[in-house]
C-alpha atoms as a PDB file:
ATOM      1  CA  MET A   1      97.954  88.353  80.304  1.00  0.00           C
ATOM      2  CA  PRO A   2      94.571  88.042  82.043  1.00  0.00           C
ATOM      3  CA  LYS A   3      94.094  90.284  85.078  1.00  0.00           C
ATOM      4  CA  VAL A   4      92.625  88.864  88.286  1.00  0.00           C
ATOM      5  CA  ALA A   5      91.467  91.011  91.213  1.00  0.00           C
ATOM      6  CA  TYR A   6      91.584  88.843  94.343  1.00  0.00           C
ATOM      7  CA  GLY A   7      89.889  90.066  97.532  1.00  0.00           C
ATOM      8  CA  VAL A   8      90.809  88.576 100.897  1.00  0.00           C
ATOM      9  CA  SER A   9      88.902  88.896 104.165  1.00  0.00           C
ATOM     10  CA  PRO A  10      91.000  90.815 106.702  1.00  0.00           C
ATOM     11  CA  ILE A  11      89.555  88.909 109.676  1.00  0.00           C
ATOM     12  CA  GLY A  12      92.265  86.625 110.978  1.00  0.00           C
ATOM     13  CA  LEU A  13      95.005  85.162 108.803  1.00  0.00           C
ATOM     14  CA  GLY A  14      93.323  81.950 107.642  1.00  0.00           C
ATOM     15  CA  HIS A  15      91.852  83.555 104.522  1.00  0.00           C
ATOM     16  CA  ALA A  16      95.248  85.004 103.607  1.00  0.00           C
ATOM     17  CA  THR A  17      97.146  81.769 104.224  1.00  0.00           C
ATOM     18  CA  ARG A  18      94.873  79.761 101.927  1.00  0.00           C
ATOM     19  CA  THR A  19      94.848  82.550  99.328  1.00  0.00           C
ATOM     20  CA  LEU A  20      98.614  82.526  98.831  1.00  0.00           C
ATOM     21  CA  PRO A  21      99.019  78.983  97.453  1.00  0.00           C
ATOM     22  CA  VAL A  22      96.148  79.620  95.054  1.00  0.00           C
ATOM     23  CA  VAL A  23      97.465  82.934  93.695  1.00  0.00           C
ATOM     24  CA  GLU A  24     100.956  81.458  93.363  1.00  0.00           C
ATOM     25  CA  ARG A  25      99.503  78.863  91.007  1.00  0.00           C
ATOM     26  CA  LEU A  26      97.466  81.480  89.138  1.00  0.00           C
ATOM     27  CA  ALA A  27     100.589  83.576  88.613  1.00  0.00           C
ATOM     28  CA  ALA A  28     102.574  80.522  87.491  1.00  0.00           C
ATOM     29  CA  ALA A  29      99.885  79.916  84.865  1.00  0.00           C
ATOM     30  CA  GLY A  30     100.323  83.451  83.518  1.00  0.00           C
ATOM     31  CA  ALA A  31      97.647  85.440  85.366  1.00  0.00           C
ATOM     32  CA  ASP A  32      98.379  88.978  86.577  1.00  0.00           C
ATOM     33  CA  VAL A  33      97.023  88.848  90.143  1.00  0.00           C
ATOM     34  CA  ARG A  34      96.377  91.937  92.266  1.00  0.00           C
ATOM     35  CA  LEU A  35      95.268  91.361  95.845  1.00  0.00           C
ATOM     36  CA  PHE A  36      93.153  93.628  97.998  1.00  0.00           C
ATOM     37  CA  SER A  37      92.531  93.236 101.714  1.00  0.00           C
ATOM     38  CA  GLY A  38      93.102  95.094 104.980  1.00  0.00           C
ATOM     39  CA  GLY A  39      93.783  94.736 108.694  1.00  0.00           C
ATOM     40  CA  ASP A  40      96.195  92.114 109.983  1.00  0.00           C
ATOM     41  CA  ALA A  41      96.006  90.159 106.723  1.00  0.00           C
ATOM     42  CA  MET A  42      98.007  92.952 105.080  1.00  0.00           C
ATOM     43  CA  TRP A  43     101.028  91.984 107.179  1.00  0.00           C
ATOM     44  CA  LEU A  44     101.085  88.511 105.658  1.00  0.00           C
ATOM     45  CA  LEU A  45      99.982  89.361 102.117  1.00  0.00           C
ATOM     46  CA  SER A  46     102.433  92.252 101.759  1.00  0.00           C
ATOM     47  CA  GLN A  47     105.302  89.778 102.180  1.00  0.00           C
ATOM     48  CA  SER A  48     104.093  87.637  99.278  1.00  0.00           C
ATOM     49  CA  GLY A  49     105.595  89.563  96.383  1.00  0.00           C
ATOM     50  CA  PHE A  50     102.174  90.331  94.891  1.00  0.00           C
ATOM     51  CA  GLN A  51     100.725  93.810  94.625  1.00  0.00           C
ATOM     52  CA  VAL A  52      98.313  94.315  97.523  1.00  0.00           C
ATOM     53  CA  ASP A  53      95.890  97.193  98.085  1.00  0.00           C
ATOM     54  CA  ASP A  54      94.952  98.024 101.674  1.00  0.00           C
ATOM     55  CA  ILE A  55      91.306  98.976 101.145  1.00  0.00           C
ATOM     56  CA  VAL A  56      89.098  96.455 102.973  1.00  0.00           C
ATOM     57  CA  SER A  57      87.387  97.510 106.209  1.00  0.00           C
ATOM     58  CA  ASP A  58      85.926  94.788 108.364  1.00  0.00           C
ATOM     59  CA  THR A  59      85.921  93.913 112.021  1.00  0.00           C
ATOM     60  CA  ALA A  60      86.468  90.718 113.958  1.00  0.00           C
ATOM     61  CA  PRO A  61      83.737  89.595 116.360  1.00  0.00           C
ATOM     62  CA  SER A  62      83.973  90.730 119.946  1.00  0.00           C
ATOM     63  CA  VAL A  63      85.403  87.971 122.140  1.00  0.00           C
ATOM     64  CA  SER A  64      85.773  88.030 125.920  1.00  0.00           C
ATOM     65  CA  ALA A  65      87.174  85.127 127.954  1.00  0.00           C
ATOM     66  CA  GLY A  66      86.851  82.877 124.916  1.00  0.00           C
ATOM     67  CA  GLU A  67      83.190  83.699 124.265  1.00  0.00           C
ATOM     68  CA  MET A  68      81.765  85.572 121.297  1.00  0.00           C
ATOM     69  CA  LYS A  69      79.673  88.580 122.325  1.00  0.00           C
ATOM     70  CA  MET A  70      77.343  91.087 120.659  1.00  0.00           C
ATOM     71  CA  ALA A  71      76.753  89.362 117.324  1.00  0.00           C
ATOM     72  CA  ALA A  72      74.216  92.018 116.323  1.00  0.00           C
ATOM     73  CA  LEU A  73      76.791  94.795 116.707  1.00  0.00           C
ATOM     74  CA  TRP A  74      79.288  92.746 114.707  1.00  0.00           C
ATOM     75  CA  TYR A  75      76.825  92.434 111.821  1.00  0.00           C
ATOM     76  CA  VAL A  76      76.103  96.174 111.871  1.00  0.00           C
ATOM     77  CA  ARG A  77      79.787  97.097 111.926  1.00  0.00           C
ATOM     78  CA  SER A  78      80.554  94.632 109.140  1.00  0.00           C
ATOM     79  CA  TRP A  79      77.779  96.101 106.996  1.00  0.00           C
ATOM     80  CA  ALA A  80      79.101  99.626 107.539  1.00  0.00           C
ATOM     81  CA  GLY A  81      82.610  98.445 106.658  1.00  0.00           C
ATOM     82  CA  LEU A  82      81.278  96.800 103.496  1.00  0.00           C
ATOM     83  CA  ARG A  83      79.712 100.053 102.333  1.00  0.00           C
ATOM     84  CA  ARG A  84      82.984 101.949 102.852  1.00  0.00           C
ATOM     85  CA  THR A  85      85.015  99.233 101.171  1.00  0.00           C
ATOM     86  CA  SER A  86      82.727  98.955  98.151  1.00  0.00           C
ATOM     87  CA  ARG A  87      83.521 102.537  97.097  1.00  0.00           C
ATOM     88  CA  ARG A  88      87.251 101.841  97.269  1.00  0.00           C
ATOM     89  CA  THR A  89      86.872  98.529  95.452  1.00  0.00           C
ATOM     90  CA  ALA A  90      84.938 100.208  92.640  1.00  0.00           C
ATOM     91  CA  ARG A  91      87.810 102.683  92.206  1.00  0.00           C
ATOM     92  CA  LEU A  92      90.319  99.827  92.158  1.00  0.00           C
ATOM     93  CA  PHE A  93      88.384  97.959  89.469  1.00  0.00           C
ATOM     94  CA  ARG A  94      88.107 101.098  87.322  1.00  0.00           C
ATOM     95  CA  GLU A  95      91.875 101.510  87.611  1.00  0.00           C
ATOM     96  CA  MET A  96      92.905  97.930  86.826  1.00  0.00           C
ATOM     97  CA  SER A  97      90.019  96.707  84.626  1.00  0.00           C
ATOM     98  CA  PRO A  98      90.157  93.062  85.806  1.00  0.00           C
ATOM     99  CA  ASP A  99      89.022  90.175  83.651  1.00  0.00           C
ATOM    100  CA  LEU A 100      87.928  88.152  86.686  1.00  0.00           C
ATOM    101  CA  VAL A 101      87.171  88.832  90.354  1.00  0.00           C
ATOM    102  CA  VAL A 102      87.924  86.221  93.041  1.00  0.00           C
ATOM    103  CA  CYS A 103      87.078  86.804  96.704  1.00  0.00           C
ATOM    104  CA  ASP A 104      87.890  84.690  99.757  1.00  0.00           C
ATOM    105  CA  GLU A 105      85.035  85.681 102.067  1.00  0.00           C
ATOM    106  CA  GLU A 106      85.523  89.300 100.994  1.00  0.00           C
ATOM    107  CA  PHE A 107      82.195  90.703  99.888  1.00  0.00           C
ATOM    108  CA  SER A 108      82.788  94.095  98.295  1.00  0.00           C
ATOM    109  CA  GLY A 109      84.506  92.600  95.254  1.00  0.00           C
ATOM    110  CA  ILE A 110      81.579  90.280  94.578  1.00  0.00           C
ATOM    111  CA  GLY A 111      79.065  93.128  94.829  1.00  0.00           C
ATOM    112  CA  VAL A 112      81.010  95.552  92.629  1.00  0.00           C
ATOM    113  CA  ALA A 113      81.726  92.844  90.050  1.00  0.00           C
ATOM    114  CA  ALA A 114      78.011  91.977  89.879  1.00  0.00           C
ATOM    115  CA  ARG A 115      77.144  95.589  89.086  1.00  0.00           C
ATOM    116  CA  THR A 116      79.779  95.802  86.337  1.00  0.00           C
ATOM    117  CA  GLY A 117      79.130  92.394  84.775  1.00  0.00           C
ATOM    118  CA  LEU A 118      82.487  90.832  85.650  1.00  0.00           C
ATOM    119  CA  PRO A 119      82.725  87.059  86.225  1.00  0.00           C
ATOM    120  CA  ARG A 120      82.877  86.241  89.938  1.00  0.00           C
ATOM    121  CA  VAL A 121      84.410  83.423  91.966  1.00  0.00           C
ATOM    122  CA  PHE A 122      83.753  83.172  95.692  1.00  0.00           C
ATOM    123  CA  VAL A 123      85.896  81.034  98.035  1.00  0.00           C
ATOM    124  CA  SER A 124      84.366  80.044 101.364  1.00  0.00           C
ATOM    125  CA  ASP A 125      83.974  77.214 103.829  1.00  0.00           C
ATOM    126  CA  GLU A 126      81.522  79.203 105.942  1.00  0.00           C
ATOM    127  CA  LEU A 127      78.255  78.749 104.092  1.00  0.00           C
ATOM    128  CA  GLU A 128      76.039  79.004 107.176  1.00  0.00           C
ATOM    129  CA  LEU A 129      75.742  81.620 109.903  1.00  0.00           C
ATOM    130  CA  GLY A 130      74.262  80.849 113.318  1.00  0.00           C
ATOM    131  CA  PHE A 131      76.227  83.304 115.489  1.00  0.00           C
ATOM    132  CA  ALA A 132      73.261  85.204 116.952  1.00  0.00           C
ATOM    133  CA  ARG A 133      71.820  84.452 120.391  1.00  0.00           C
ATOM    134  CA  GLY A 134      69.407  87.211 121.421  1.00  0.00           C
ATOM    135  CA  ARG A 135      66.085  88.064 119.763  1.00  0.00           C
ATOM    136  CA  VAL A 136      67.349  91.260 118.102  1.00  0.00           C
ATOM    137  CA  ALA A 137      70.551  89.586 116.940  1.00  0.00           C
ATOM    138  CA  ARG A 138      68.611  86.676 115.431  1.00  0.00           C
ATOM    139  CA  ALA A 139      66.323  89.084 113.558  1.00  0.00           C
ATOM    140  CA  ILE A 140      69.337  90.847 112.076  1.00  0.00           C
ATOM    141  CA  GLU A 141      70.993  87.553 111.265  1.00  0.00           C
ATOM    142  CA  ARG A 142      67.963  86.318 109.334  1.00  0.00           C
ATOM    143  CA  ARG A 143      68.289  89.277 106.977  1.00  0.00           C
ATOM    144  CA  VAL A 144      72.042  88.801 106.651  1.00  0.00           C
ATOM    145  CA  ASP A 145      71.556  85.082 106.025  1.00  0.00           C
ATOM    146  CA  ALA A 146      69.063  85.697 103.221  1.00  0.00           C
ATOM    147  CA  TRP A 147      71.492  88.161 101.592  1.00  0.00           C
ATOM    148  CA  TYR A 148      74.379  85.717 101.981  1.00  0.00           C
ATOM    149  CA  ARG A 149      72.475  82.836 100.416  1.00  0.00           C
ATOM    150  CA  ARG A 150      71.572  85.005  97.427  1.00  0.00           C
ATOM    151  CA  LEU A 151      75.249  85.919  97.045  1.00  0.00           C
ATOM    152  CA  GLN A 152      76.284  82.254  97.066  1.00  0.00           C
ATOM    153  CA  ASP A 153      73.696  81.378  94.443  1.00  0.00           C
ATOM    154  CA  SER A 154      74.571  84.336  92.219  1.00  0.00           C
ATOM    155  CA  VAL A 155      78.313  83.857  91.709  1.00  0.00           C
ATOM    156  CA  ASP A 156      79.652  82.050  88.663  1.00  0.00           C
ATOM    157  CA  LEU A 157      81.651  79.672  90.831  1.00  0.00           C
ATOM    158  CA  LEU A 158      81.645  78.905  94.545  1.00  0.00           C
ATOM    159  CA  VAL A 159      84.881  77.163  95.579  1.00  0.00           C
ATOM    160  CA  ILE A 160      84.557  75.291  98.879  1.00  0.00           C
ATOM    161  CA  PRO A 161      87.836  74.122 100.476  1.00  0.00           C
ATOM    162  CA  GLU A 162      86.296  70.968 101.900  1.00  0.00           C
ATOM    163  CA  PHE A 163      85.554  67.462 100.688  1.00  0.00           C
ATOM    164  CA  GLY A 164      82.091  66.604  99.424  1.00  0.00           C
ATOM    165  CA  ALA A 165      79.842  66.433  96.395  1.00  0.00           C
ATOM    166  CA  ASP A 166      79.555  69.204  93.821  1.00  0.00           C
ATOM    167  CA  SER A 167      76.202  70.757  92.964  1.00  0.00           C
ATOM    168  CA  GLY A 168      75.107  73.708  90.877  1.00  0.00           C
ATOM    169  CA  ASN A 169      77.791  76.394  90.992  1.00  0.00           C
ATOM    170  CA  ARG A 170      79.468  74.766  94.018  1.00  0.00           C
ATOM    171  CA  ARG A 171      82.765  72.949  93.626  1.00  0.00           C
ATOM    172  CA  ARG A 172      84.399  71.243  96.600  1.00  0.00           C
ATOM    173  CA  VAL A 173      88.166  71.043  96.149  1.00  0.00           C
ATOM    174  CA  GLY A 174      89.361  69.771  99.534  1.00  0.00           C
ATOM    175  CA  PRO A 175      91.534  71.686 102.005  1.00  0.00           C
ATOM    176  CA  ILE A 176      93.803  74.431 100.687  1.00  0.00           C
ATOM    177  CA  VAL A 177      97.104  74.520 102.564  1.00  0.00           C
ATOM    178  CA  ARG A 178     100.558  76.011 102.137  1.00  0.00           C
ATOM    179  CA  ARG A 179     103.504  73.799 101.271  1.00  0.00           C
ATOM    180  CA  VAL A 180     105.897  72.888 104.083  1.00  0.00           C
ATOM    181  CA  THR A 181     109.290  74.249 103.028  1.00  0.00           C
ATOM    182  CA  GLN A 182     111.518  73.224 105.947  1.00  0.00           C
ATOM    183  CA  THR A 183     112.389  70.046 107.761  1.00  0.00           C
ATOM    184  CA  ARG A 184     111.587  69.738 111.440  1.00  0.00           C
ATOM    185  CA  ALA A 185     115.194  70.558 112.346  1.00  0.00           C
ATOM    186  CA  GLU A 186     115.352  73.507 109.941  1.00  0.00           C
ATOM    187  CA  ALA A 187     112.136  75.034 111.265  1.00  0.00           C
ATOM    188  CA  ARG A 188     113.315  74.780 114.860  1.00  0.00           C
ATOM    189  CA  MET A 189     116.693  76.288 114.003  1.00  0.00           C
ATOM    190  CA  ALA A 190     115.126  79.108 111.971  1.00  0.00           C
ATOM    191  CA  HIS A 191     113.025  80.196 114.950  1.00  0.00           C
ATOM    192  CA  GLY A 192     115.652  79.687 117.646  1.00  0.00           C
ATOM    193  CA  LEU A 193     113.909  76.699 119.221  1.00  0.00           C
ATOM    194  CA  PRO A 194     115.587  73.767 120.977  1.00  0.00           C
ATOM    195  CA  PRO A 195     116.668  71.101 118.473  1.00  0.00           C
ATOM    196  CA  ASP A 196     115.536  68.254 120.736  1.00  0.00           C
ATOM    197  CA  GLY A 197     112.532  67.498 122.904  1.00  0.00           C
ATOM    198  CA  SER A 198     108.792  67.490 122.387  1.00  0.00           C
ATOM    199  CA  MET A 199     107.299  70.748 121.120  1.00  0.00           C
ATOM    200  CA  VAL A 200     103.823  72.128 121.764  1.00  0.00           C
ATOM    201  CA  LEU A 201     102.870  74.900 119.343  1.00  0.00           C
ATOM    202  CA  VAL A 202     100.255  77.373 120.567  1.00  0.00           C
ATOM    203  CA  SER A 203      99.034  78.914 117.324  1.00  0.00           C
ATOM    204  CA  MET A 204      97.038  82.030 118.176  1.00  0.00           C
ATOM    205  CA  SER A 205      94.314  83.470 115.982  1.00  0.00           C
ATOM    206  CA  GLY A 206      95.384  86.153 113.539  1.00  0.00           C
ATOM    207  CA  SER A 207      92.286  88.174 114.476  1.00  0.00           C
ATOM    208  CA  ARG A 208      93.676  88.702 118.008  1.00  0.00           C
ATOM    209  CA  VAL A 209      90.892  86.713 119.644  1.00  0.00           C
ATOM    210  CA  GLY A 210      92.926  83.627 120.523  1.00  0.00           C
ATOM    211  CA  GLY A 211      94.462  84.882 123.745  1.00  0.00           C
ATOM    212  CA  PHE A 212      92.198  82.672 125.810  1.00  0.00           C
ATOM    213  CA  VAL A 213      93.837  79.558 124.318  1.00  0.00           C
ATOM    214  CA  LEU A 214      97.266  80.754 125.414  1.00  0.00           C
ATOM    215  CA  ASP A 215      95.876  81.338 128.914  1.00  0.00           C
ATOM    216  CA  LEU A 216      94.426  77.812 128.952  1.00  0.00           C
ATOM    217  CA  VAL A 217      97.743  76.279 127.888  1.00  0.00           C
ATOM    218  CA  MET A 218      99.723  78.252 130.459  1.00  0.00           C
ATOM    219  CA  ASP A 219      97.304  77.112 133.174  1.00  0.00           C
ATOM    220  CA  ALA A 220      97.636  73.489 132.017  1.00  0.00           C
ATOM    221  CA  LEU A 221     101.426  73.782 132.133  1.00  0.00           C
ATOM    222  CA  SER A 222     101.291  75.179 135.671  1.00  0.00           C
ATOM    223  CA  ARG A 223      99.333  72.064 136.655  1.00  0.00           C
ATOM    224  CA  GLY A 224     101.997  69.747 135.288  1.00  0.00           C
ATOM    225  CA  ALA A 225     100.701  68.917 131.809  1.00  0.00           C
ATOM    226  CA  VAL A 226     103.410  67.665 129.394  1.00  0.00           C
ATOM    227  CA  PRO A 227     106.267  68.476 131.839  1.00  0.00           C
ATOM    228  CA  ASP A 228     109.013  67.370 129.446  1.00  0.00           C
ATOM    229  CA  ALA A 229     107.886  69.501 126.499  1.00  0.00           C
ATOM    230  CA  PHE A 230     108.717  73.060 125.539  1.00  0.00           C
ATOM    231  CA  VAL A 231     106.141  75.491 124.148  1.00  0.00           C
ATOM    232  CA  ALA A 232     106.408  77.716 121.079  1.00  0.00           C
ATOM    233  CA  VAL A 233     103.833  80.504 120.730  1.00  0.00           C
ATOM    234  CA  SER A 234     103.125  81.917 117.272  1.00  0.00           C
ATOM    235  CA  GLY A 235     100.849  84.796 116.385  1.00  0.00           C
ATOM    236  CA  ASN A 236     100.909  86.554 119.752  1.00  0.00           C
ATOM    237  CA  ARG A 237     100.440  90.297 119.218  1.00  0.00           C
ATOM    238  CA  GLY A 238     100.012  91.050 122.917  1.00  0.00           C
ATOM    239  CA  PRO A 239     102.496  91.139 125.783  1.00  0.00           C
ATOM    240  CA  LYS A 240     105.312  88.628 125.441  1.00  0.00           C
ATOM    241  CA  VAL A 241     105.038  85.476 127.505  1.00  0.00           C
ATOM    242  CA  ALA A 242     107.893  85.293 129.992  1.00  0.00           C
ATOM    243  CA  ALA A 243     108.082  81.770 131.374  1.00  0.00           C
ATOM    244  CA  GLY A 244     110.570  78.948 131.434  1.00  0.00           C
ATOM    245  CA  ARG A 245     110.520  76.620 128.413  1.00  0.00           C
ATOM    246  CA  VAL A 246     108.134  78.988 126.585  1.00  0.00           C
ATOM    247  CA  PHE A 247     109.324  80.671 123.380  1.00  0.00           C
ATOM    248  CA  ASP A 248     107.070  83.533 122.259  1.00  0.00           C
ATOM    249  CA  LEU A 249     107.830  84.056 118.566  1.00  0.00           C
ATOM    250  CA  GLY A 250     105.278  86.783 117.838  1.00  0.00           C
ATOM    251  CA  PRO A 251     103.625  86.809 114.389  1.00  0.00           C
ATOM    252  CA  VAL A 252     105.168  84.160 112.108  1.00  0.00           C
ATOM    253  CA  LEU A 253     105.039  84.176 108.303  1.00  0.00           C
ATOM    254  CA  ASP A 254     105.689  80.454 107.809  1.00  0.00           C
ATOM    255  CA  ASN A 255     103.510  79.026 110.533  1.00  0.00           C
ATOM    256  CA  GLN A 256     102.885  75.902 108.437  1.00  0.00           C
ATOM    257  CA  ASN A 257     106.539  74.944 108.998  1.00  0.00           C
ATOM    258  CA  LEU A 258     106.131  75.248 112.762  1.00  0.00           C
ATOM    259  CA  VAL A 259     102.923  73.215 112.602  1.00  0.00           C
ATOM    260  CA  ALA A 260     104.799  70.450 110.795  1.00  0.00           C
ATOM    261  CA  ALA A 261     107.707  70.627 113.263  1.00  0.00           C
ATOM    262  CA  ALA A 262     105.517  70.431 116.368  1.00  0.00           C
ATOM    263  CA  ASP A 263     104.517  67.329 118.318  1.00  0.00           C
ATOM    264  CA  LEU A 264     101.171  68.941 119.195  1.00  0.00           C
ATOM    265  CA  VAL A 265      99.322  72.057 118.025  1.00  0.00           C
ATOM    266  CA  VAL A 266      96.834  73.826 120.303  1.00  0.00           C
ATOM    267  CA  SER A 267      94.764  76.610 118.780  1.00  0.00           C
ATOM    268  CA  THR A 268      91.309  78.002 118.363  1.00  0.00           C
ATOM    269  CA  ALA A 269      89.257  75.872 115.984  1.00  0.00           C
ATOM    270  CA  GLY A 270      90.148  77.823 112.865  1.00  0.00           C
ATOM    271  CA  LYS A 271      89.997  75.855 109.629  1.00  0.00           C
ATOM    272  CA  SER A 272      93.378  76.787 108.164  1.00  0.00           C
ATOM    273  CA  THR A 273      95.501  75.731 111.148  1.00  0.00           C
ATOM    274  CA  GLN A 274      93.424  72.575 111.522  1.00  0.00           C
ATOM    275  CA  ASP A 275      93.981  71.687 107.855  1.00  0.00           C
ATOM    276  CA  GLU A 276      97.711  72.445 107.987  1.00  0.00           C
ATOM    277  CA  ALA A 277      98.062  70.167 111.015  1.00  0.00           C
ATOM    278  CA  ALA A 278      96.220  67.359 109.221  1.00  0.00           C
ATOM    279  CA  ALA A 279      98.400  67.842 106.143  1.00  0.00           C
ATOM    280  CA  ALA A 280     101.523  67.447 108.288  1.00  0.00           C
ATOM    281  CA  GLY A 281     100.138  64.620 110.431  1.00  0.00           C
ATOM    282  CA  THR A 282     100.574  66.712 113.580  1.00  0.00           C
ATOM    283  CA  PRO A 283      98.112  66.103 116.446  1.00  0.00           C
ATOM    284  CA  PHE A 284      95.783  69.060 116.865  1.00  0.00           C
ATOM    285  CA  ILE A 285      93.543  70.347 119.648  1.00  0.00           C
ATOM    286  CA  GLY A 286      91.111  73.081 118.627  1.00  0.00           C
ATOM    287  CA  ILE A 287      89.197  74.868 121.384  1.00  0.00           C
ATOM    288  CA  PRO A 288      86.404  76.847 119.711  1.00  0.00           C
ATOM    289  CA  ILE A 289      85.382  80.336 120.668  1.00  0.00           C
ATOM    290  CA  ARG A 290      82.103  79.781 122.471  1.00  0.00           C
ATOM    291  CA  HIS A 291      79.051  80.723 120.359  1.00  0.00           C
ATOM    292  CA  HIS A 292      81.275  81.168 117.277  1.00  0.00           C
ATOM    293  CA  ALA A 293      79.228  78.923 115.004  1.00  0.00           C
ATOM    294  CA  GLU A 294      81.954  78.265 112.430  1.00  0.00           C
ATOM    295  CA  GLN A 295      84.577  77.317 115.013  1.00  0.00           C
ATOM    296  CA  GLU A 296      82.110  75.179 116.936  1.00  0.00           C
ATOM    297  CA  ARG A 297      81.349  73.252 113.736  1.00  0.00           C
ATOM    298  CA  ASN A 298      85.072  72.807 113.029  1.00  0.00           C
ATOM    299  CA  ALA A 299      85.729  71.549 116.556  1.00  0.00           C
ATOM    300  CA  ALA A 300      82.730  69.213 116.517  1.00  0.00           C
ATOM    301  CA  ALA A 301      84.158  67.519 113.413  1.00  0.00           C
ATOM    302  CA  LEU A 302      87.154  66.593 115.601  1.00  0.00           C
ATOM    303  CA  GLY A 303      85.019  65.468 118.531  1.00  0.00           C
ATOM    304  CA  LEU A 304      85.843  68.624 120.496  1.00  0.00           C
ATOM    305  CA  GLY A 305      83.895  71.528 121.934  1.00  0.00           C
ATOM    306  CA  TRP A 306      84.042  74.494 124.266  1.00  0.00           C
ATOM    307  CA  GLY A 307      83.670  72.191 127.273  1.00  0.00           C
ATOM    308  CA  ASP A 308      87.054  70.629 126.487  1.00  0.00           C
ATOM    309  CA  ALA A 309      88.742  73.806 127.697  1.00  0.00           C
ATOM    310  CA  GLY A 310      88.345  72.450 131.225  1.00  0.00           C
ATOM    311  CA  ARG A 311      90.292  69.280 130.447  1.00  0.00           C
ATOM    312  CA  LEU A 312      92.946  70.702 128.164  1.00  0.00           C
ATOM    313  CA  GLY A 313      95.843  69.419 130.252  1.00  0.00           C
ATOM    314  CA  GLY A 314      94.632  65.845 129.970  1.00  0.00           C
ATOM    315  CA  LEU A 315      94.064  66.204 126.230  1.00  0.00           C
ATOM    316  CA  MET A 316      97.577  67.567 125.760  1.00  0.00           C
ATOM    317  CA  ALA A 317      99.131  64.674 127.676  1.00  0.00           C
ATOM    318  CA  GLU A 318      97.024  62.190 125.722  1.00  0.00           C
ATOM    319  CA  ARG A 319      97.715  63.531 122.238  1.00  0.00           C
ATOM    320  CA  ILE A 320     101.261  64.885 122.233  1.00  0.00           C
ATOM    321  CA  GLY A 321     103.488  62.947 119.864  1.00  0.00           C
ATOM    322  CA  ARG A 322     100.664  60.801 118.468  1.00  0.00           C
ATOM    323  CA  ARG A 323     101.297  61.684 114.843  1.00  0.00           C
ATOM    324  CA  SER A 324      99.170  60.415 111.982  1.00  0.00           C
ATOM    325  CA  ALA A 325     100.033  59.856 108.353  1.00  0.00           C
ATOM    326  CA  PRO A 326     100.324  63.192 106.515  1.00  0.00           C
ATOM    327  CA  ALA A 327      97.317  64.011 104.350  1.00  0.00           C
ATOM    328  CA  GLU A 328      97.871  64.720 100.664  1.00  0.00           C
ATOM    329  CA  TYR A 329      95.735  67.754  99.814  1.00  0.00           C
ATOM    330  CA  ASP A 330      95.567  69.214  96.306  1.00  0.00           C
ATOM    331  CA  GLY A 331      92.943  71.857  97.047  1.00  0.00           C
ATOM    332  CA  ALA A 332      95.147  74.739  95.898  1.00  0.00           C
ATOM    333  CA  ASP A 333      95.801  73.102  92.515  1.00  0.00           C
ATOM    334  CA  ARG A 334      92.141  72.270  92.001  1.00  0.00           C
ATOM    335  CA  ALA A 335      90.978  75.740  93.052  1.00  0.00           C
ATOM    336  CA  ALA A 336      93.463  77.426  90.700  1.00  0.00           C
ATOM    337  CA  ARG A 337      92.384  75.268  87.762  1.00  0.00           C
ATOM    338  CA  LEU A 338      88.738  76.078  88.385  1.00  0.00           C
ATOM    339  CA  ILE A 339      89.476  79.801  88.625  1.00  0.00           C
ATOM    340  CA  LEU A 340      91.532  79.751  85.439  1.00  0.00           C
ATOM    341  CA  SER A 341      88.667  78.013  83.654  1.00  0.00           C
ATOM    342  CA  ARG A 342      86.617  81.181  84.128  1.00  0.00           C
ATOM    343  CA  LEU A 343      89.076  83.375  82.240  1.00  0.00           C
END
C-alpha cells in the first residue's frame, strides 16, 4: 500500500475542505494517507477518520475592520513558522517513510521532500502574491515571490483547482468541492433551522477574519434588507449573535450542506465557499478583505469588490432566491487521479 504524506495549510478551512474529497478518493484507491496540518484546520481534519499530525505553524494575516494590515509582518511570521514546521515535518517523514508528498499550500512538506528526493505534488489556486502595500513590504514580497515561483516550477506536479489550459507541470482540474449529503429539508432539520422560509447563510472565514462580513449583514438586516428571511451563521468562533431570526450555529463540519440549503450565501471571497455555492446553484455574495490580493481576485471574477460592502443590503435583496443550475465539478476525481499517477 503506497504511503502518502498530505500537508494542509492551517490558515482558514478552505484548504482542509478541498483536501478531504481528494484524500477520500486516494484512500478508496488503496493509498495510505497521513495528513499533517495545524491551527483551526485540525478541528475539521481530525473529524475525517484519517490520521492527522498537528505540526504546522503558520499565521493568518492581520485584518482590522475588513482590511488586511501589516503584510510585511505576516511574511516574516510565516517564514519563522515555516522554519519551525520544517523540523517537525522532517521527523514525520523519517517516521513514516512516505512514497509521495502532497501539499495544499503547505510549504514545509515540499521543502523537506525536495531535500530527500521524494516526488512532490503541490495544490494551489493562489499562484500570485500582491498583498504588500508599503515600500518595505513590497521589498520583502519580491523576495518571497521569487522563492514561491521557484517552488511552483520545481514540483513534479502543480494541481490548480480552476479551469484553464495545462502547461509544463501545471494541471488545471476545475473546482474541488465536497459532496452535498443532505437534502435542503434534512440540512435545516439537522441544524435546528426553520423548515420554511428564505434562508441567508453567513459563512464566516475559518481563519477568524470574517467577522466584518457578519457585522455588515447585521447592519443590512437592521436597515430592512430581506425582511422575510432568517439568517444562519456558520463558522462564528466569537461571541454568539443574539438577535431575532438569527441562528448562530458556531463552527460547522458540513457547511457544504448548509450552502446547498440556503437561498443566499454571504461570505468573504474565499474560493472554497464560492465554489461550493456554484456547485449547489446557490446565489453567492463575496465581500473581499480589502488589500487581500487573492480574495480581491476571487471577488472581481464575480463582478464584486470591497466597495460593494456599502451596498450589501441592496445586493442581498436583489440576489436572494435567484438560484442557478448546479455546476457539475469533478475536480476532486481529476486531482486524485493525477496524484495517483505519481505513485
